[in-house]
Amino acid sequence: PLGRNTAPALTLAALAALEGGQDPVLVVTPADQTVTHPAAFTAALHAAVREAAGGGITILGITPDRPETGYGYIRAQQDGAGLAVAQFVEKPNLETAQRYLADGG
């Protein structure tokens, strides 16, 4: 993984999307992912868009199977029928990533 200044690009995209006076749902799909189950991904994306259309902010993620320092970690907690983001950690160091994996992802 290599930084590509995604945040500034997304900011400009969001501002451009608001120019029409509406509050559209934006779907951001990084190119550094592999989708091995397209039907499950599509279903999750549809559910995320429904949640976002109701005013929520949604994030799709996977449970890691190895410590990784090149990606961010979503720390989630149970919230009703779903999960809520408790914390997002951008590219943790190896020790932190190993601890996250030991804690269940």
C-alpha atoms as a PDB file:
ATOM      1  CA  PRO A   1       0.000   0.000   0.000  1.00  0.00           C
ATOM      2  CA  LEU A   2       1.113   3.473  -0.862  1.00  0.00           C
ATOM      3  CA  GLY A   3      -0.430   6.790   0.135  1.00  0.00           C
ATOM      4  CA  ARG A   4      -2.212   8.491  -2.754  1.00  0.00           C
ATOM      5  CA  ASN A   5      -3.753  11.502  -0.978  1.00  0.00           C
ATOM      6  CA  THR A   6      -7.196   9.926  -0.965  1.00  0.00           C
ATOM      7  CA  ALA A   7      -8.651  12.257   1.694  1.00  0.00           C
ATOM      8  CA  PRO A   8      -8.185  15.493  -0.312  1.00  0.00           C
ATOM      9  CA  ALA A   9      -9.586  13.826  -3.429  1.00  0.00           C
ATOM     10  CA  LEU A  10     -12.637  12.584  -1.516  1.00  0.00           C
ATOM     11  CA  THR A  11     -13.157  16.025  -0.011  1.00  0.00           C
ATOM     12  CA  LEU A  12     -13.279  17.570  -3.482  1.00  0.00           C
ATOM     13  CA  ALA A  13     -15.633  14.839  -4.696  1.00  0.00           C
ATOM     14  CA  ALA A  14     -17.969  15.386  -1.730  1.00  0.00           C
ATOM     15  CA  LEU A  15     -18.006  19.151  -2.274  1.00  0.00           C
ATOM     16  CA  ALA A  16     -18.753  18.678  -5.974  1.00  0.00           C
ATOM     17  CA  ALA A  17     -21.572  16.237  -5.144  1.00  0.00           C
ATOM     18  CA  LEU A  18     -23.186  18.858  -2.879  1.00  0.00           C
ATOM     19  CA  GLU A  19     -23.238  21.531  -5.591  1.00  0.00           C
ATOM     20  CA  GLY A  20     -26.690  20.454  -6.746  1.00  0.00           C
ATOM     21  CA  GLY A  21     -28.132  21.358  -3.338  1.00  0.00           C
ATOM     22  CA  GLN A  22     -28.908  17.780  -2.365  1.00  0.00           C
ATOM     23  CA  ASP A  23     -27.241  15.431   0.107  1.00  0.00           C
ATOM     24  CA  PRO A  24     -26.276  12.427  -2.041  1.00  0.00           C
ATOM     25  CA  VAL A  25     -24.857   9.132  -0.820  1.00  0.00           C
ATOM     26  CA  LEU A  26     -21.212   8.768  -1.806  1.00  0.00           C
ATOM     27  CA  VAL A  27     -19.705   5.310  -2.207  1.00  0.00           C
ATOM     28  CA  VAL A  28     -15.915   5.155  -2.034  1.00  0.00           C
ATOM     29  CA  THR A  29     -14.276   1.911  -3.096  1.00  0.00           C
ATOM     30  CA  PRO A  30     -10.474   1.859  -2.868  1.00  0.00           C
ATOM     31  CA  ALA A  31      -8.674  -0.050  -5.579  1.00  0.00           C
ATOM     32  CA  ASP A  32      -6.482  -1.986  -3.123  1.00  0.00           C
ATOM     33  CA  GLN A  33      -9.109  -4.546  -2.219  1.00  0.00           C
ATOM     34  CA  THR A  34      -9.922  -8.014  -3.472  1.00  0.00           C
ATOM     35  CA  VAL A  35     -13.546  -9.092  -3.630  1.00  0.00           C
ATOM     36  CA  THR A  36     -13.719 -12.880  -3.477  1.00  0.00           C
ATOM     37  CA  HIS A  37     -17.486 -13.126  -2.913  1.00  0.00           C
ATOM     38  CA  PRO A  38     -19.145 -10.602  -5.262  1.00  0.00           C
ATOM     39  CA  ALA A  39     -22.727 -11.433  -4.180  1.00  0.00           C
ATOM     40  CA  ALA A  40     -21.910 -10.902  -0.493  1.00  0.00           C
ATOM     41  CA  PHE A  41     -20.052  -7.677  -1.287  1.00  0.00           C
ATOM     42  CA  THR A  42     -22.980  -6.398  -3.343  1.00  0.00           C
ATOM     43  CA  ALA A  43     -25.456  -7.241  -0.563  1.00  0.00           C
ATOM     44  CA  ALA A  44     -23.256  -5.478   2.019  1.00  0.00           C
ATOM     45  CA  LEU A  45     -22.918  -2.457  -0.251  1.00  0.00           C
ATOM     46  CA  HIS A  46     -26.704  -2.244  -0.739  1.00  0.00           C
ATOM     47  CA  ALA A  47     -27.215  -2.425   3.046  1.00  0.00           C
ATOM     48  CA  ALA A  48     -24.583   0.286   3.562  1.00  0.00           C
ATOM     49  CA  VAL A  49     -26.232   2.573   1.010  1.00  0.00           C
ATOM     50  CA  ARG A  50     -29.628   2.107   2.721  1.00  0.00           C
ATOM     51  CA  GLU A  51     -28.068   3.012   6.077  1.00  0.00           C
ATOM     52  CA  ALA A  52     -26.318   6.035   4.589  1.00  0.00           C
ATOM     53  CA  ALA A  53     -29.503   7.200   2.860  1.00  0.00           C
ATOM     54  CA  GLY A  54     -31.073   7.334   6.328  1.00  0.00           C
ATOM     55  CA  GLY A  55     -28.325   9.625   7.574  1.00  0.00           C
ATOM     56  CA  GLY A  56     -25.803   7.076   8.809  1.00  0.00           C
ATOM     57  CA  ILE A  57     -22.146   6.790   7.947  1.00  0.00           C
ATOM     58  CA  THR A  58     -21.159   3.274   7.010  1.00  0.00           C
ATOM     59  CA  ILE A  59     -17.850   1.496   6.561  1.00  0.00           C
ATOM     60  CA  LEU A  60     -17.304  -1.944   5.069  1.00  0.00           C
ATOM     61  CA  GLY A  61     -14.377  -3.948   6.348  1.00  0.00           C
ATOM     62  CA  ILE A  62     -13.051  -7.456   6.793  1.00  0.00           C
ATOM     63  CA  THR A  63     -11.771  -9.370   9.791  1.00  0.00           C
ATOM     64  CA  PRO A  64      -7.990  -9.579   9.367  1.00  0.00           C
ATOM     65  CA  ASP A  65      -6.260 -12.950   9.273  1.00  0.00           C
ATOM     66  CA  ARG A  66      -2.747 -11.569   9.865  1.00  0.00           C
ATOM     67  CA  PRO A  67      -1.244  -8.429  11.395  1.00  0.00           C
ATOM     68  CA  GLU A  68      -0.973  -5.753   8.724  1.00  0.00           C
ATOM     69  CA  THR A  69       0.695  -2.353   9.006  1.00  0.00           C
ATOM     70  CA  GLY A  70      -0.253  -1.143   5.538  1.00  0.00           C
ATOM     71  CA  TYR A  71      -4.002  -0.794   6.113  1.00  0.00           C
ATOM     72  CA  GLY A  72      -6.292   0.847   8.651  1.00  0.00           C
ATOM     73  CA  TYR A  73      -8.151  -1.079  11.346  1.00  0.00           C
ATOM     74  CA  ILE A  74     -11.815  -0.529  12.224  1.00  0.00           C
ATOM     75  CA  ARG A  75     -12.391  -1.176  15.927  1.00  0.00           C
ATOM     76  CA  ALA A  76     -16.105  -2.020  16.211  1.00  0.00           C
ATOM     77  CA  GLN A  77     -18.531  -2.511  19.077  1.00  0.00           C
ATOM     78  CA  GLN A  78     -22.035  -3.965  19.182  1.00  0.00           C
ATOM     79  CA  ASP A  79     -24.732  -1.339  18.653  1.00  0.00           C
ATOM     80  CA  GLY A  80     -28.260  -2.732  18.532  1.00  0.00           C
ATOM     81  CA  ALA A  81     -28.601  -5.052  15.553  1.00  0.00           C
ATOM     82  CA  GLY A  82     -25.325  -3.931  13.995  1.00  0.00           C
ATOM     83  CA  LEU A  83     -21.874  -2.701  14.825  1.00  0.00           C
ATOM     84  CA  ALA A  84     -20.706   0.839  15.510  1.00  0.00           C
ATOM     85  CA  VAL A  85     -17.234   2.180  14.850  1.00  0.00           C
ATOM     86  CA  ALA A  86     -15.519   2.635  18.193  1.00  0.00           C
ATOM     87  CA  GLN A  87     -12.235   3.692  16.617  1.00  0.00           C
ATOM     88  CA  PHE A  88     -10.421   3.775  13.297  1.00  0.00           C
ATOM     89  CA  VAL A  89      -6.653   3.336  13.430  1.00  0.00           C
ATOM     90  CA  GLU A  90      -4.762   4.254  10.273  1.00  0.00           C
ATOM     91  CA  LYS A  91      -1.875   1.914   9.513  1.00  0.00           C
ATOM     92  CA  PRO A  92      -0.902   0.780  13.031  1.00  0.00           C
ATOM     93  CA  ASN A  93       2.616  -0.333  13.887  1.00  0.00           C
ATOM     94  CA  LEU A  94       3.309  -4.082  13.925  1.00  0.00           C
ATOM     95  CA  GLU A  95       2.938  -4.470  17.701  1.00  0.00           C
ATOM     96  CA  THR A  96      -0.468  -2.769  17.658  1.00  0.00           C
ATOM     97  CA  ALA A  97      -1.634  -4.797  14.638  1.00  0.00           C
ATOM     98  CA  GLN A  98      -0.593  -8.013  16.377  1.00  0.00           C
ATOM     99  CA  ARG A  99      -2.547  -6.990  19.499  1.00  0.00           C
ATOM    100  CA  TYR A 100      -5.638  -6.203  17.400  1.00  0.00           C
ATOM    101  CA  LEU A 101      -5.406  -9.620  15.744  1.00  0.00           C
ATOM    102  CA  ALA A 102      -5.015 -11.349  19.125  1.00  0.00           C
ATOM    103  CA  ASP A 103      -8.084  -9.437  20.360  1.00  0.00           C
ATOM    104  CA  GLY A 104     -10.162 -10.842  17.475  1.00  0.00           C
ATOM    105  CA  GLY A 105      -9.467  -8.385  14.687  1.00  0.00           C
END
